[in-house]
Every structure is written in structure tokens, then in C-alpha cells.
Amino acid sequence: MLHAISLFLMTIMVFEPYWIPAGSMKPTLLPGDYILVIPDRAPFARGDVLVFLHPVTGQDYVKRVIGLPGDTVQMRDGVVILNGAELPQTPDGEFVEPYTPAGMSGVIPRCGNNPVPLGGDCRKLRRTETLPDGQSYSVLEIGRMALDNTPAFTVPADHLFVMGDNRDNSTDSRIGAAAGGVGFVPQANVKGRAVAVAFSAAGRYLWNPAGWREGRIMEGIR
């Protein structure tokens, strides 16, 4: 553990650290993850996990790039349609987590198997989504939601279309900024690319190593 802490302290001298307060990027990022970000600017690629400033509130957000300038993006029955073609989704079992408060914010997960007693297994369907270049990552589905179907969006120049991997629990580019969502993200708002989870605190106290999740120390993000 001392070695992990020393490595962490050395690493934050090179990278910018951020912590994850909510669950919109599950299973890639969990509430209480302390992530390392490389300060970066365009060009960005589909699949990049970016930290950026919300176009209206100026708060730090983290989402995955789905659409680049000129792309069209639409959701149909929970499947992404990118430039007229479906992004393939392969079933990959379930994502199971305890139905308890998590991270410093104490957020309670949303479950696909409600009702769930406190401390019970909160379950969501997990699928592997694949981009046209072959890059893949896990996405979650809770159930039928309004944002499973959207109009087609055309990404403006110098902007990005971003989504959370926890598709049914993410306020992202599917909702316009005027309606409280993210809308299209100006590339100038991007602060950097998330590359690793330095450590992950399941409890309310970020700096207590006793509450760190096993297996999430210096883990790469994809």
C-alpha cells in the first residue's frame, strides 16, 4: 500500500487529478474514483474519455466522445446510430453493485431490478459497444428510458458529441444545454483526456486507504 501511495504522489506531479462524484460513466468510472488526466487539446478521437467544462455551468464533467465535427449521432431503441450505421452492441452479462451510498457524495445507484433493499444486489445489463475503428468499451442499460430514442444530431465544427457509458443515467449531449444537459461540447472547453484511475474510494472519505476498492489502483481507462 505504501508503494501505491508513493507511486500516486509521483504521478500527480505529471497529470492533473480529478475525482468522480457520480455514476454516469459506470462501469468505466465509479463514484469515488480519483482519475489522472493528461492536459490535451484537439484533435480528439471517438472513444476518448474527456474532462471538460460544462458549456453553461462551467462545472467539470467527464464523458466519452461519440461524435466528431460533421458526424451525425442518433439513438434508436438504446443503440447509437453513427453516420447512419449502428454501433454494434454485444451482450456481456450484468453489472452488479451493492445498493448502498458510494463515494464522497454518497450517491445511490439506479437499478434495473427494482425494488432492491438497501445492501442488496443492484443489477444492470452490460454490453460491449464497438466503434468503427474497432475500439470497444462497456455500456450499461437500466431499462426503457426517454433518451433511448432521439432525433439525429449533426455535430458542429469545433464541437464534440459526448455520452456517459451508464446510458440511462447520464446527462450528456443528448440533452441540450438550455434544457440542463450538456449539448454539443466546444473543443475549447476540454481540459484533458482521462488515462488512469489512481485509486478508488468506495466510502465517503477519499483519503482513507482502508476504504479504497481493490483492483482499482493505477488502472488504465479505456
Protein backbone atom coordinates (compact mmCIF):
# COMPACT_ATOMS: atom_id res chain seq x y z
CA MET A 1 0.00 0.00 0.00
CA LEU A 2 2.88 2.39 0.79
CA HIS A 3 4.33 1.70 -2.64
CA ALA A 4 0.97 2.52 -4.25
CA ILE A 5 0.71 5.79 -2.31
CA SER A 6 4.27 6.79 -3.29
CA LEU A 7 3.55 6.00 -6.94
CA PHE A 8 0.37 8.05 -6.75
CA LEU A 9 2.14 11.08 -5.30
CA MET A 10 4.80 10.93 -8.02
CA THR A 11 2.17 10.57 -10.75
CA ILE A 12 0.08 13.62 -9.80
CA MET A 13 3.15 15.77 -10.43
CA VAL A 14 2.76 14.93 -14.15
CA PHE A 15 -1.01 14.54 -14.52
CA GLU A 16 -3.97 16.60 -13.33
CA PRO A 17 -6.11 14.69 -10.80
CA TYR A 18 -9.92 14.74 -10.67
CA TRP A 19 -12.39 12.74 -8.60
CA ILE A 20 -15.62 11.21 -9.86
CA PRO A 21 -18.68 12.28 -7.82
CA ALA A 22 -21.46 10.44 -9.68
CA GLY A 23 -22.20 7.30 -11.69
CA SER A 24 -22.81 8.45 -15.27
CA MET A 25 -19.64 6.72 -16.53
CA LYS A 26 -20.16 3.31 -14.89
CA PRO A 27 -18.74 0.73 -15.33
CA THR A 28 -15.67 2.56 -16.71
CA LEU A 29 -15.55 5.04 -13.82
CA LEU A 30 -17.15 4.67 -10.39
CA PRO A 31 -18.18 7.27 -7.79
CA GLY A 32 -15.08 7.84 -5.68
CA ASP A 33 -12.58 7.13 -8.47
CA TYR A 34 -9.65 9.53 -8.39
CA ILE A 35 -8.55 9.80 -12.00
CA LEU A 36 -5.46 11.12 -13.76
CA VAL A 37 -5.93 13.42 -16.74
CA ILE A 38 -3.45 14.45 -19.43
CA PRO A 39 -3.96 18.12 -20.36
CA ASP A 40 -4.84 17.91 -24.04
CA ARG A 41 -6.26 19.81 -26.98
CA ALA A 42 -7.78 18.86 -30.35
CA PRO A 43 -7.74 16.73 -32.39
CA PHE A 44 -9.71 14.28 -30.28
CA ALA A 45 -10.86 10.80 -31.26
CA ARG A 46 -14.08 8.86 -30.83
CA GLY A 47 -13.83 6.81 -27.67
CA ASP A 48 -11.68 9.32 -25.77
CA VAL A 49 -12.79 9.84 -22.16
CA LEU A 50 -12.50 13.58 -21.60
CA VAL A 51 -12.80 16.02 -18.72
CA PHE A 52 -14.38 19.27 -19.90
CA LEU A 53 -16.14 22.37 -18.66
CA HIS A 54 -19.93 22.28 -18.95
CA PRO A 55 -20.85 24.86 -21.64
CA VAL A 56 -23.30 26.64 -19.29
CA THR A 57 -22.38 25.95 -15.66
CA GLY A 58 -18.60 25.73 -16.07
CA GLN A 59 -18.52 22.63 -13.85
CA ASP A 60 -16.11 19.79 -14.58
CA TYR A 61 -17.78 16.90 -16.43
CA VAL A 62 -16.36 13.61 -17.71
CA LYS A 63 -17.88 11.75 -20.67
CA ARG A 64 -16.87 9.66 -23.68
CA VAL A 65 -16.57 11.13 -27.19
CA ILE A 66 -19.04 9.52 -29.59
CA GLY A 67 -19.31 12.12 -32.36
CA LEU A 68 -16.72 14.36 -34.02
CA PRO A 69 -17.35 17.55 -36.04
CA GLY A 70 -19.54 16.72 -39.04
CA ASP A 71 -20.79 13.39 -37.62
CA THR A 72 -24.47 12.62 -37.22
CA VAL A 73 -25.48 10.83 -34.00
CA GLN A 74 -28.86 9.38 -33.08
CA MET A 75 -30.25 6.90 -30.55
CA ARG A 76 -32.75 4.25 -31.65
CA ASP A 77 -34.02 1.80 -29.04
CA GLY A 78 -30.89 2.34 -26.96
CA VAL A 79 -28.46 1.80 -29.84
CA VAL A 80 -26.18 4.55 -31.18
CA ILE A 81 -26.57 5.31 -34.89
CA LEU A 82 -23.34 6.98 -36.01
CA ASN A 83 -23.35 8.43 -39.53
CA GLY A 84 -26.27 6.17 -40.43
CA ALA A 85 -24.76 2.92 -39.11
CA GLU A 86 -25.42 1.16 -35.82
CA LEU A 87 -22.60 0.83 -33.32
CA PRO A 88 -22.64 -2.92 -32.59
CA GLN A 89 -23.52 -3.93 -29.04
CA THR A 90 -22.62 -7.41 -27.77
CA PRO A 91 -24.31 -8.70 -24.58
CA ASP A 92 -21.80 -9.06 -21.72
CA GLY A 93 -23.80 -10.25 -18.73
CA GLU A 94 -24.68 -7.95 -15.87
CA PHE A 95 -23.01 -5.20 -13.88
CA VAL A 96 -23.72 -5.87 -10.20
CA GLU A 97 -23.02 -3.42 -7.38
CA PRO A 98 -24.32 -3.01 -3.83
CA TYR A 99 -27.37 -0.82 -3.41
CA THR A 100 -25.65 1.49 -0.94
CA PRO A 101 -24.33 5.08 -0.95
CA ALA A 102 -20.99 5.28 -2.77
CA GLY A 103 -18.15 7.79 -2.87
CA MET A 104 -17.83 11.13 -1.11
CA SER A 105 -21.18 12.28 -2.49
CA GLY A 106 -22.97 9.21 -1.14
CA VAL A 107 -24.82 8.61 -4.42
CA ILE A 108 -27.30 5.72 -4.56
CA PRO A 109 -27.17 3.68 -7.79
CA ARG A 110 -30.13 3.21 -10.09
CA CYS A 111 -31.03 -0.42 -10.69
CA GLY A 112 -32.70 -2.41 -13.42
CA ASN A 113 -34.07 -4.94 -10.92
CA ASN A 114 -36.03 -2.58 -8.63
CA PRO A 115 -37.17 -2.76 -5.92
CA VAL A 116 -33.81 -3.52 -4.25
CA PRO A 117 -33.33 -3.48 -0.45
CA LEU A 118 -30.50 -1.42 0.99
CA GLY A 119 -27.35 -3.51 0.72
CA GLY A 120 -28.85 -5.80 -1.93
CA ASP A 121 -27.54 -6.50 -5.42
CA CYS A 122 -28.25 -3.66 -7.85
CA ARG A 123 -28.18 -5.10 -11.36
CA LYS A 124 -27.92 -3.56 -14.82
CA LEU A 125 -27.40 -5.14 -18.23
CA ARG A 126 -23.88 -4.71 -19.60
CA ARG A 127 -23.00 -4.61 -23.27
CA THR A 128 -19.79 -4.13 -25.23
CA GLU A 129 -20.12 -1.30 -27.74
CA THR A 130 -17.69 -1.11 -30.67
CA LEU A 131 -16.71 2.00 -32.64
CA PRO A 132 -15.95 1.94 -36.39
CA ASP A 133 -12.19 1.81 -35.69
CA GLY A 134 -12.63 -1.35 -33.61
CA GLN A 135 -12.26 0.28 -30.18
CA SER A 136 -14.69 -1.19 -27.65
CA TYR A 137 -15.87 -0.40 -24.11
CA SER A 138 -18.69 -1.39 -21.77
CA VAL A 139 -22.04 0.41 -21.57
CA LEU A 140 -24.93 -0.18 -19.17
CA GLU A 141 -28.69 -0.34 -19.63
CA ILE A 142 -31.18 0.07 -16.79
CA GLY A 143 -34.35 -0.23 -18.86
CA ARG A 144 -36.54 1.69 -21.28
CA MET A 145 -35.85 5.41 -21.00
CA ALA A 146 -36.84 8.54 -22.93
CA LEU A 147 -33.28 9.09 -24.18
CA ASP A 148 -33.19 5.63 -25.80
CA ASN A 149 -34.69 7.37 -28.83
CA THR A 150 -33.58 10.81 -30.05
CA PRO A 151 -33.58 12.90 -33.20
CA ALA A 152 -30.45 12.89 -35.33
CA PHE A 153 -27.83 15.41 -34.18
CA THR A 154 -25.21 16.86 -36.52
CA VAL A 155 -22.07 17.85 -34.64
CA PRO A 156 -20.99 21.44 -35.47
CA ALA A 157 -17.44 22.43 -36.34
CA ASP A 158 -15.07 22.61 -33.35
CA HIS A 159 -17.53 20.71 -31.12
CA LEU A 160 -17.95 17.17 -29.79
CA PHE A 161 -20.90 14.88 -29.05
CA VAL A 162 -20.33 13.08 -25.74
CA MET A 163 -22.20 10.41 -23.80
CA GLY A 164 -21.89 8.61 -20.48
CA ASP A 165 -21.28 4.85 -20.52
CA ASN A 166 -24.12 4.45 -17.99
CA ARG A 167 -26.51 5.37 -20.77
CA ASP A 168 -29.75 5.52 -18.77
CA ASN A 169 -28.20 7.61 -16.00
CA SER A 170 -26.25 10.28 -17.89
CA THR A 171 -26.95 13.92 -18.64
CA ASP A 172 -24.96 14.37 -21.84
CA SER A 173 -25.11 15.65 -25.44
CA ARG A 174 -28.50 14.02 -25.98
CA ILE A 175 -29.94 16.88 -23.91
CA GLY A 176 -29.36 20.49 -24.97
CA ALA A 177 -27.53 22.84 -22.62
CA ALA A 178 -30.61 25.09 -22.45
CA ALA A 179 -32.60 22.15 -21.02
CA GLY A 180 -29.99 21.40 -18.35
CA GLY A 181 -27.94 18.94 -20.39
CA VAL A 182 -24.51 19.20 -21.96
CA GLY A 183 -25.40 19.68 -25.62
CA PHE A 184 -22.50 19.93 -28.04
CA VAL A 185 -19.22 20.48 -26.20
CA PRO A 186 -16.87 23.15 -27.61
CA GLN A 187 -13.45 21.61 -28.08
CA ALA A 188 -12.02 24.69 -26.37
CA ASN A 189 -13.80 23.54 -23.16
CA VAL A 190 -11.83 20.30 -22.98
CA LYS A 191 -9.36 20.20 -20.09
CA GLY A 192 -7.80 16.84 -20.87
CA ARG A 193 -8.05 13.11 -21.53
CA ALA A 194 -8.60 10.67 -18.66
CA VAL A 195 -5.97 7.93 -18.78
CA ALA A 196 -5.98 6.08 -15.45
CA VAL A 197 -7.73 5.54 -12.12
CA ALA A 198 -5.11 6.38 -9.49
CA PHE A 199 -7.23 4.87 -6.71
CA SER A 200 -10.90 4.44 -5.88
CA ALA A 201 -12.62 5.23 -2.59
CA ALA A 202 -15.88 3.38 -2.05
CA GLY A 203 -16.62 5.25 1.17
CA ARG A 204 -17.14 8.90 1.99
CA TYR A 205 -13.51 9.61 2.88
CA LEU A 206 -11.37 9.90 -0.23
CA TRP A 207 -8.01 9.87 1.54
CA ASN A 208 -8.63 6.81 3.75
CA PRO A 209 -6.75 3.88 2.10
CA ALA A 210 -8.77 1.41 4.18
CA GLY A 211 -11.82 2.29 2.06
CA TRP A 212 -10.11 2.00 -1.32
CA ARG A 213 -11.53 -0.52 -3.78
CA GLU A 214 -9.24 -3.45 -4.55
CA GLY A 215 -8.06 -3.70 -8.15
CA ARG A 216 -8.54 0.00 -8.92
CA ILE A 217 -5.09 1.37 -8.16
CA MET A 218 -3.25 2.80 -11.20
CA GLU A 219 -5.72 1.09 -13.55
CA GLY A 220 -5.83 2.31 -17.16
CA ILE A 221 -9.04 3.79 -18.62
CA ARG A 222 -10.31 2.63 -21.98
